[in-house]
Amino acid sequence: MNILILHRPQYATSLYHLAINHDKHNVYYMGIAENLADIPSSLRHQKIVRKEGEKTDESAIKYIAQSGIHFDRIISISEYELLEAATIREYFGILGQKTGEAIKVRNKVMMKTILQTANIKVPPFLKLEQLLDNKAMAKQLFACKKVVLKPMDGAGSADVCIFTNIDTLLQALDSRSTMISKLDRDMKEQIPYFEVEAFIEGDVYHLDGIVESGKLRVCQASRYLNTCLAYAQGFPLGSVQIPTTKELTDFAQKTIQALKIQDGGFHLECIGTGIENLYFLEIANRPGGGDIGKIFQMKTGIHLQSASVSAMLNEPITVSSVDSQSAHLYYGFFIFPGHHFEAEYCTIHNIEPFLKNPCLHEWRQLSATSKLTKHISYRSHELPFTGIVKGNSTEILEFMQEIFQLVKIEGLRHA
């Protein structure tokens, strides 16, 4: 087969060679030069450099048309290029997810509308356009509730803001003071791309796994400590695996069936006061970010990113054996952000008491001479302090809570 991979995540995370025999197939990687630099030279492949700022789908369509190569598969496991991959497939009639299916796992209003029809609980929501067209209806829908303003196709909780009530939101919109810079700057242009939903109290869970032909192949449940929104605002984020009950797998399968997700990885987020009272938040048809894939493999023996590619290619998924003595363990990860500091560098306080704790499986600290990233990142090598934990769910949750209370990151102007 001729396979075109839209290469965005790090190769060390993606490990495409676990799913694709590069000697058997003709594999082409398209991406910006910086992203393509990490592909192992030992793999038989060709690189297609895309100019920074150039749209991925337009670049790919142009290249394919000019080269005359017939591609059998287009692969993307990045949230930001799922629609582009679907557009390319649709343009050339290539097998796989098309735009009509891809938009349902990118547009949050569309996915919640579909799931509401399927009797899956979702928070009350409206497009921002609808809210502004009928403020009276919006006030009734969101009465006495906190509300969340966010992009309909966002990721990583970027450009998300919580307001104490609908009136506070309306005032912020009127005064262009929502604290979402692109919305405040270009209100008329940006309004069609935002939605508002009621804020639901409770614990946030995420379900991660693989779908094959519309059916769950494997699923692992986890609970967040803090939220992705809090992380975007500068607070640490953690995740702890929990038992994957029948209620949780049924919730995932019903969601996947309603949205007609066929193949690949998925990352589903939901919230509730318990697993018997869940509200759907969002789903992505790709592997979860951060160290989700790493701890998923430690628990299941399945490398999530490459298994996602195997599912898209209808190839067998490789499962490594899990040590029977470790089968009872659960895993988690924590990440401390650095994007919110004005300073270029950082120093870390109070980590020493935790480093010899048996719950801490591994950890990483940003070097004193490494600059902080200025964008929201979940990549451990870009962050001040990260770690993987192991044990039973309760003890690693308590261990992580203690880390969050005591470890402090301080910004420094100079290394």
Protein backbone atom coordinates (compact mmCIF):
# COMPACT_ATOMS: atom_id res chain seq x y z
CA MET A 1 0.00 0.00 0.00
CA ASN A 2 0.92 3.65 -0.42
CA ILE A 3 0.30 5.30 2.96
CA LEU A 4 0.40 9.04 3.67
CA ILE A 5 0.88 9.96 7.32
CA LEU A 6 0.13 13.53 8.43
CA HIS A 7 2.93 13.67 10.99
CA ARG A 8 2.36 16.02 13.90
CA PRO A 9 2.81 14.21 17.28
CA GLN A 10 6.34 13.19 18.24
CA TYR A 11 7.53 9.98 16.61
CA ALA A 12 8.68 8.69 20.00
CA THR A 13 5.01 8.82 21.04
CA SER A 14 3.45 7.64 17.77
CA LEU A 15 5.75 4.72 16.92
CA TYR A 16 4.09 4.14 13.54
CA HIS A 17 6.45 1.26 12.76
CA LEU A 18 4.63 -0.87 15.33
CA ALA A 19 1.53 -0.71 13.12
CA ILE A 20 3.02 -0.30 9.64
CA ASN A 21 5.67 -2.49 8.04
CA HIS A 22 7.80 0.18 6.34
CA ASP A 23 9.62 -2.42 4.21
CA LYS A 24 6.36 -3.84 2.90
CA HIS A 25 4.49 -0.56 2.34
CA ASN A 26 5.47 2.75 0.76
CA VAL A 27 5.16 5.22 3.62
CA TYR A 28 5.16 8.99 3.11
CA TYR A 29 5.29 11.45 6.01
CA MET A 30 3.97 14.98 5.51
CA GLY A 31 4.60 17.76 8.02
CA ILE A 32 6.60 20.87 8.73
CA ALA A 33 10.37 20.36 8.69
CA GLU A 34 10.64 20.52 12.50
CA ASN A 35 8.15 17.69 12.97
CA LEU A 36 9.66 15.50 10.26
CA ALA A 37 13.13 15.69 11.81
CA ASP A 38 12.37 13.05 14.45
CA ILE A 39 11.45 10.19 12.09
CA PRO A 40 14.08 7.43 12.45
CA SER A 41 16.43 7.28 9.46
CA SER A 42 16.44 3.49 9.77
CA LEU A 43 12.86 3.34 8.49
CA ARG A 44 12.26 3.15 4.75
CA HIS A 45 10.13 6.23 4.06
CA GLN A 46 9.84 9.50 2.15
CA LYS A 47 9.33 12.95 3.63
CA ILE A 48 7.08 15.65 2.21
CA VAL A 49 7.86 19.02 3.76
CA ARG A 50 4.91 21.32 4.22
CA LYS A 51 5.52 25.04 4.65
CA GLU A 52 4.61 26.44 8.05
CA GLY A 53 1.25 28.21 7.87
CA GLU A 54 0.19 26.25 4.78
CA LYS A 55 -3.00 24.21 5.22
CA THR A 56 -2.33 20.50 5.51
CA ASP A 57 -5.20 19.38 3.28
CA GLU A 58 -4.34 21.89 0.55
CA SER A 59 -0.66 20.87 0.63
CA ALA A 60 -1.52 17.18 0.46
CA ILE A 61 -4.06 17.55 -2.33
CA LYS A 62 -1.57 19.58 -4.37
CA TYR A 63 1.22 17.05 -3.80
CA ILE A 64 -0.92 14.02 -4.64
CA ALA A 65 -2.29 15.66 -7.79
CA GLN A 66 1.18 16.63 -9.00
CA SER A 67 2.93 13.38 -8.07
CA GLY A 68 0.26 11.11 -9.48
CA ILE A 69 0.69 8.71 -6.55
CA HIS A 70 -2.40 6.68 -5.68
CA PHE A 71 -2.61 6.57 -1.88
CA ASP A 72 -4.49 3.70 -0.30
CA ARG A 73 -4.67 5.23 3.20
CA ILE A 74 -4.36 8.66 4.81
CA ILE A 75 -3.39 8.47 8.50
CA SER A 76 -3.70 11.16 11.19
CA ILE A 77 -3.77 10.71 14.97
CA SER A 78 -3.66 14.45 15.72
CA GLU A 79 -6.78 16.29 16.85
CA TYR A 80 -5.75 19.21 14.67
CA GLU A 81 -5.52 17.26 11.41
CA LEU A 82 -8.43 14.80 11.61
CA LEU A 83 -10.65 16.98 9.42
CA GLU A 84 -7.82 17.64 6.98
CA ALA A 85 -7.21 13.89 6.63
CA ALA A 86 -10.93 13.36 5.99
CA THR A 87 -10.95 16.13 3.37
CA ILE A 88 -8.04 14.51 1.52
CA ARG A 89 -9.74 11.09 1.57
CA GLU A 90 -12.96 12.60 0.30
CA TYR A 91 -11.25 14.53 -2.49
CA PHE A 92 -9.53 11.44 -3.91
CA GLY A 93 -12.08 8.79 -2.86
CA ILE A 94 -9.66 7.09 -0.46
CA LEU A 95 -10.97 4.53 2.02
CA GLY A 96 -11.50 5.81 5.57
CA GLN A 97 -13.29 8.48 7.58
CA LYS A 98 -14.77 11.30 5.47
CA THR A 99 -15.65 14.86 6.52
CA GLY A 100 -19.24 14.00 7.45
CA GLU A 101 -18.00 11.54 10.07
CA ALA A 102 -14.98 13.56 11.18
CA ILE A 103 -16.97 16.72 11.92
CA LYS A 104 -19.08 14.79 14.45
CA VAL A 105 -16.00 14.18 16.61
CA ARG A 106 -14.67 17.73 16.21
CA ASN A 107 -17.75 19.94 16.57
CA LYS A 108 -18.88 19.86 20.20
CA VAL A 109 -22.35 21.23 19.49
CA MET A 110 -22.97 18.63 16.81
CA MET A 111 -21.78 15.73 18.98
CA LYS A 112 -23.91 16.83 21.95
CA THR A 113 -26.96 17.27 19.73
CA ILE A 114 -26.56 13.72 18.40
CA LEU A 115 -26.00 12.24 21.86
CA GLN A 116 -28.96 14.10 23.35
CA THR A 117 -31.13 12.42 20.72
CA ALA A 118 -29.62 9.08 21.78
CA ASN A 119 -30.70 9.71 25.41
CA ILE A 120 -27.19 10.31 26.68
CA LYS A 121 -27.09 13.09 29.26
CA VAL A 122 -25.30 16.27 28.16
CA PRO A 123 -25.07 19.69 29.85
CA PRO A 124 -27.59 22.28 28.61
CA PHE A 125 -25.89 24.07 25.69
CA LEU A 126 -26.38 26.62 22.91
CA LYS A 127 -24.34 27.99 20.07
CA LEU A 128 -23.17 31.48 21.01
CA GLU A 129 -25.08 32.76 17.98
CA GLN A 130 -28.30 31.21 19.29
CA LEU A 131 -27.73 32.67 22.74
CA LEU A 132 -27.28 36.19 21.40
CA ASP A 133 -30.29 35.85 19.10
CA ASN A 134 -32.56 34.83 21.99
CA LYS A 135 -31.21 36.06 25.31
CA ALA A 136 -34.50 35.45 27.12
CA MET A 137 -34.45 31.75 26.19
CA ALA A 138 -30.78 31.54 27.20
CA LYS A 139 -31.49 33.06 30.62
CA GLN A 140 -34.19 30.49 31.17
CA LEU A 141 -32.01 27.58 29.99
CA PHE A 142 -29.04 28.60 32.13
CA ALA A 143 -30.94 30.01 35.12
CA CYS A 144 -28.91 29.97 38.36
CA LYS A 145 -26.05 28.11 36.69
CA LYS A 146 -22.42 28.81 36.03
CA VAL A 147 -21.77 28.78 32.28
CA VAL A 148 -18.79 27.81 30.17
CA LEU A 149 -17.83 29.72 27.03
CA LYS A 150 -15.62 27.70 24.68
CA PRO A 151 -14.77 27.01 21.03
CA MET A 152 -16.92 24.42 19.30
CA ASP A 153 -13.83 22.66 17.93
CA GLY A 154 -11.26 23.44 20.62
CA ALA A 155 -8.77 21.15 22.34
CA GLY A 156 -6.73 21.28 25.52
CA SER A 157 -9.15 23.80 27.12
CA ALA A 158 -7.60 26.66 25.15
CA ASP A 159 -9.86 29.76 24.91
CA VAL A 160 -12.26 28.43 27.57
CA CYS A 161 -13.71 30.64 30.31
CA ILE A 162 -16.22 30.04 33.13
CA PHE A 163 -18.71 32.72 34.19
CA THR A 164 -20.70 32.81 37.41
CA ASN A 165 -24.00 33.16 35.53
CA ILE A 166 -25.47 34.02 32.14
CA ASP A 167 -25.76 37.75 32.96
CA THR A 168 -22.04 37.97 33.72
CA LEU A 169 -21.30 36.33 30.39
CA LEU A 170 -23.56 38.72 28.50
CA GLN A 171 -21.91 41.71 30.18
CA ALA A 172 -18.48 40.39 29.22
CA LEU A 173 -19.58 39.93 25.63
CA ASP A 174 -21.05 43.44 25.49
CA SER A 175 -17.84 44.97 26.85
CA ARG A 176 -15.51 42.64 24.92
CA SER A 177 -13.95 41.47 28.17
CA THR A 178 -14.43 37.69 28.04
CA MET A 179 -10.65 37.21 28.50
CA ILE A 180 -10.62 35.18 25.28
CA SER A 181 -8.44 37.44 23.18
CA LYS A 182 -9.49 36.38 19.69
CA LEU A 183 -13.18 36.64 20.61
CA ASP A 184 -12.78 40.06 22.26
CA ARG A 185 -10.71 41.30 19.32
CA ASP A 186 -12.87 39.98 16.45
CA MET A 187 -16.27 39.46 18.07
CA LYS A 188 -18.39 39.42 14.91
CA GLU A 189 -16.07 37.05 13.08
CA GLN A 190 -15.54 34.65 16.01
CA ILE A 191 -19.09 34.33 17.40
CA PRO A 192 -20.06 31.50 14.97
CA TYR A 193 -17.21 29.34 16.30
CA PHE A 194 -18.15 29.43 20.00
CA GLU A 195 -20.70 27.72 22.21
CA VAL A 196 -22.01 28.09 25.76
CA GLU A 197 -22.86 25.21 28.08
CA ALA A 198 -23.95 24.86 31.68
CA PHE A 199 -21.16 24.09 34.14
CA ILE A 200 -21.74 20.68 35.75
CA GLU A 201 -20.33 19.97 39.21
CA GLY A 202 -18.57 16.67 39.84
CA ASP A 203 -15.50 14.58 39.13
CA VAL A 204 -14.18 14.51 35.57
CA TYR A 205 -13.45 11.08 34.11
CA HIS A 206 -11.83 10.07 30.84
CA LEU A 207 -12.25 6.80 28.97
CA ASP A 208 -9.55 5.82 26.52
CA GLY A 209 -9.25 2.93 24.13
CA ILE A 210 -9.56 1.47 20.66
CA VAL A 211 -12.57 1.03 18.38
CA GLU A 212 -12.68 -1.61 15.64
CA SER A 213 -15.61 -1.68 13.19
CA GLY A 214 -17.72 0.39 15.59
CA LYS A 215 -17.11 -1.88 18.61
CA LEU A 216 -14.97 -1.31 21.68
CA ARG A 217 -11.82 -3.43 21.46
CA VAL A 218 -10.35 -2.15 24.73
CA CYS A 219 -11.23 0.62 27.19
CA GLN A 220 -9.54 1.99 30.31
CA ALA A 221 -11.20 4.44 32.70
CA SER A 222 -9.41 7.19 34.62
CA ARG A 223 -10.28 10.11 36.85
CA TYR A 224 -8.73 13.55 36.52
CA LEU A 225 -7.24 15.37 39.48
CA ASN A 226 -7.90 19.03 38.65
CA THR A 227 -9.15 19.77 35.14
CA CYS A 228 -7.70 20.58 31.74
CA LEU A 229 -9.15 24.09 32.15
CA ALA A 230 -7.35 24.56 35.47
CA TYR A 231 -4.18 23.32 33.77
CA ALA A 232 -4.60 25.91 31.02
CA GLN A 233 -4.85 28.51 33.81
CA GLY A 234 -1.57 27.37 35.39
CA PHE A 235 -2.49 24.61 37.88
CA PRO A 236 -1.06 21.06 37.82
CA LEU A 237 -3.09 18.29 36.21
CA GLY A 238 -3.20 14.63 37.16
CA SER A 239 -4.95 11.49 36.04
CA VAL A 240 -5.44 8.21 37.93
CA GLN A 241 -6.72 4.96 36.45
CA ILE A 242 -9.77 3.43 38.11
CA PRO A 243 -11.61 0.12 37.63
CA THR A 244 -13.30 0.08 34.21
CA THR A 245 -16.79 -0.98 35.21
CA LYS A 246 -19.57 -2.24 32.95
CA GLU A 247 -21.39 1.08 33.46
CA LEU A 248 -18.38 2.93 32.04
CA THR A 249 -17.81 0.62 29.07
CA ASP A 250 -21.55 0.75 28.27
CA PHE A 251 -21.41 4.55 28.39
CA ALA A 252 -18.44 4.55 25.99
CA GLN A 253 -20.00 2.03 23.61
CA LYS A 254 -23.33 3.87 23.49
CA THR A 255 -21.52 7.14 22.74
CA ILE A 256 -19.37 5.56 20.02
CA GLN A 257 -22.41 3.90 18.45
CA ALA A 258 -24.44 7.12 18.43
CA LEU A 259 -21.63 9.09 16.76
CA LYS A 260 -20.86 6.18 14.39
CA ILE A 261 -17.16 6.11 15.21
CA GLN A 262 -15.79 3.16 13.26
CA ASP A 263 -12.06 2.71 13.83
CA GLY A 264 -9.09 4.12 15.71
CA GLY A 265 -8.35 5.50 19.14
CA PHE A 266 -10.78 7.50 21.26
CA HIS A 267 -10.60 9.84 24.23
CA LEU A 268 -13.96 10.45 25.92
CA GLU A 269 -14.47 12.91 28.78
CA CYS A 270 -17.48 12.91 31.09
CA ILE A 271 -18.42 14.39 34.47
CA GLY A 272 -20.61 13.42 37.37
CA THR A 273 -21.00 12.90 41.09
CA GLY A 274 -20.44 9.18 40.48
CA ILE A 275 -20.12 6.78 37.56
CA GLU A 276 -23.85 6.08 37.76
CA ASN A 277 -24.68 9.74 37.06
CA LEU A 278 -22.52 10.83 34.14
CA TYR A 279 -22.86 13.73 31.75
CA PHE A 280 -21.04 13.57 28.43
CA LEU A 281 -18.53 16.39 27.87
CA GLU A 282 -16.68 15.58 24.63
CA ILE A 283 -15.02 12.84 22.62
CA ALA A 284 -12.12 12.72 20.19
CA ASN A 285 -11.48 9.99 17.62
CA ARG A 286 -7.75 9.85 18.41
CA PRO A 287 -5.56 8.77 21.33
CA GLY A 288 -5.56 10.93 24.46
CA GLY A 289 -2.69 13.35 24.98
CA GLY A 290 -0.08 13.80 27.69
CA ASP A 291 1.03 10.49 29.23
CA ILE A 292 -2.35 8.80 28.74
CA GLY A 293 -0.88 6.50 26.11
CA LYS A 294 2.06 5.59 28.32
CA ILE A 295 0.01 4.56 31.35
CA PHE A 296 -2.55 2.85 29.07
CA GLN A 297 0.24 0.60 27.78
CA MET A 298 1.52 -0.08 31.29
CA LYS A 299 -1.95 -1.29 32.31
CA THR A 300 -3.12 -3.10 29.15
CA GLY A 301 0.03 -4.00 27.24
CA ILE A 302 -1.29 -2.07 24.22
CA HIS A 303 0.56 0.89 22.73
CA LEU A 304 -2.40 3.22 22.23
CA GLN A 305 -1.11 5.39 19.38
CA SER A 306 0.14 2.59 17.12
CA ALA A 307 -2.91 0.44 17.95
CA SER A 308 -5.06 3.34 16.78
CA VAL A 309 -3.25 3.21 13.43
CA SER A 310 -3.59 -0.60 13.26
CA ALA A 311 -7.35 -0.25 13.74
CA MET A 312 -7.55 2.31 10.92
CA LEU A 313 -5.66 -0.10 8.63
CA ASN A 314 -7.71 -3.14 9.74
CA GLU A 315 -4.49 -4.78 10.93
CA PRO A 316 -4.06 -6.92 14.07
CA ILE A 317 -3.29 -5.01 17.27
CA THR A 318 -0.10 -5.98 19.09
CA VAL A 319 -0.59 -6.79 22.77
CA SER A 320 2.45 -7.13 25.01
CA SER A 321 2.25 -9.28 28.10
CA VAL A 322 1.69 -7.53 31.42
CA ASP A 323 3.60 -8.93 34.40
CA SER A 324 1.11 -10.99 36.43
CA GLN A 325 2.57 -9.55 39.64
CA SER A 326 1.67 -6.05 38.39
CA ALA A 327 -1.78 -6.86 37.02
CA HIS A 328 -3.50 -5.47 40.13
CA LEU A 329 -1.74 -2.11 39.86
CA TYR A 330 -3.20 1.08 38.48
CA TYR A 331 -1.19 3.93 36.99
CA GLY A 332 -1.46 7.67 36.73
CA PHE A 333 0.47 10.73 35.64
CA PHE A 334 0.91 14.33 36.73
CA ILE A 335 2.12 17.38 34.84
CA PHE A 336 3.00 20.88 36.04
CA PRO A 337 2.56 23.59 33.40
CA GLY A 338 4.97 26.40 32.58
CA HIS A 339 3.21 28.31 29.81
CA HIS A 340 1.57 30.78 32.22
CA PHE A 341 4.79 32.28 33.56
CA GLU A 342 6.05 35.57 32.18
CA ALA A 343 9.55 34.42 33.17
CA GLU A 344 11.76 32.48 30.74
CA TYR A 345 13.00 29.85 33.21
CA CYS A 346 11.86 28.19 36.43
CA THR A 347 13.00 26.51 39.60
CA ILE A 348 11.11 23.82 41.53
CA HIS A 349 10.65 23.64 45.29
CA ASN A 350 9.80 20.76 47.65
CA ILE A 351 10.10 17.78 45.31
CA GLU A 352 12.77 15.91 47.31
CA PRO A 353 10.40 14.32 49.87
CA PHE A 354 8.47 12.62 47.07
CA LEU A 355 11.29 11.21 44.95
CA LYS A 356 11.85 8.04 47.02
CA ASN A 357 8.17 7.24 47.52
CA PRO A 358 7.34 3.80 46.03
CA CYS A 359 4.27 5.31 44.34
CA LEU A 360 6.53 7.40 42.08
CA HIS A 361 7.42 5.16 39.15
CA GLU A 362 9.37 7.78 37.19
CA TRP A 363 9.74 11.54 37.06
CA ARG A 364 11.22 14.28 34.92
CA GLN A 365 12.36 17.80 35.78
CA LEU A 366 13.03 20.60 33.29
CA SER A 367 16.69 21.58 33.40
CA ALA A 368 17.58 24.96 34.89
CA THR A 369 18.88 26.16 31.51
CA SER A 370 15.83 25.08 29.45
CA LYS A 371 13.36 27.80 28.54
CA LEU A 372 9.69 27.47 29.44
CA THR A 373 7.26 26.91 26.59
CA LYS A 374 4.83 29.78 26.01
CA HIS A 375 1.99 27.63 24.67
CA ILE A 376 -0.19 25.08 26.45
CA SER A 377 1.72 21.81 26.23
CA TYR A 378 1.16 18.28 27.53
CA ARG A 379 4.58 17.04 26.39
CA SER A 380 6.64 16.02 29.41
CA HIS A 381 9.98 17.17 27.98
CA GLU A 382 8.62 20.74 27.73
CA LEU A 383 7.21 20.94 31.27
CA PRO A 384 8.75 21.92 34.63
CA PHE A 385 7.88 18.72 36.52
CA THR A 386 6.10 15.53 35.45
CA GLY A 387 5.79 11.99 36.72
CA ILE A 388 4.22 8.55 36.42
CA VAL A 389 2.71 6.96 39.53
CA LYS A 390 1.65 3.40 40.36
CA GLY A 391 -0.24 1.60 43.13
CA ASN A 392 -3.90 1.20 44.00
CA SER A 393 -6.20 3.98 42.82
CA THR A 394 -6.74 5.45 46.29
CA GLU A 395 -3.09 5.63 47.35
CA ILE A 396 -1.82 7.15 44.11
CA LEU A 397 -4.64 9.70 44.16
CA GLU A 398 -3.69 10.72 47.72
CA PHE A 399 0.01 10.79 46.78
CA MET A 400 -0.70 13.05 43.84
CA GLN A 401 -2.88 15.37 45.93
CA GLU A 402 0.03 15.80 48.36
CA ILE A 403 2.40 16.61 45.50
CA PHE A 404 -0.02 19.26 44.21
CA GLN A 405 -0.28 20.83 47.66
CA LEU A 406 3.44 21.02 48.43
CA VAL A 407 5.42 21.27 45.19
CA LYS A 408 5.81 24.84 43.94
CA ILE A 409 7.14 26.15 40.63
CA GLU A 410 8.77 29.58 40.64
CA GLY A 411 9.45 31.58 37.50
CA LEU A 412 12.93 33.02 36.98
CA ARG A 413 13.99 35.74 34.56
CA HIS A 414 17.45 34.23 34.14
CA ALA A 415 18.79 30.67 34.16
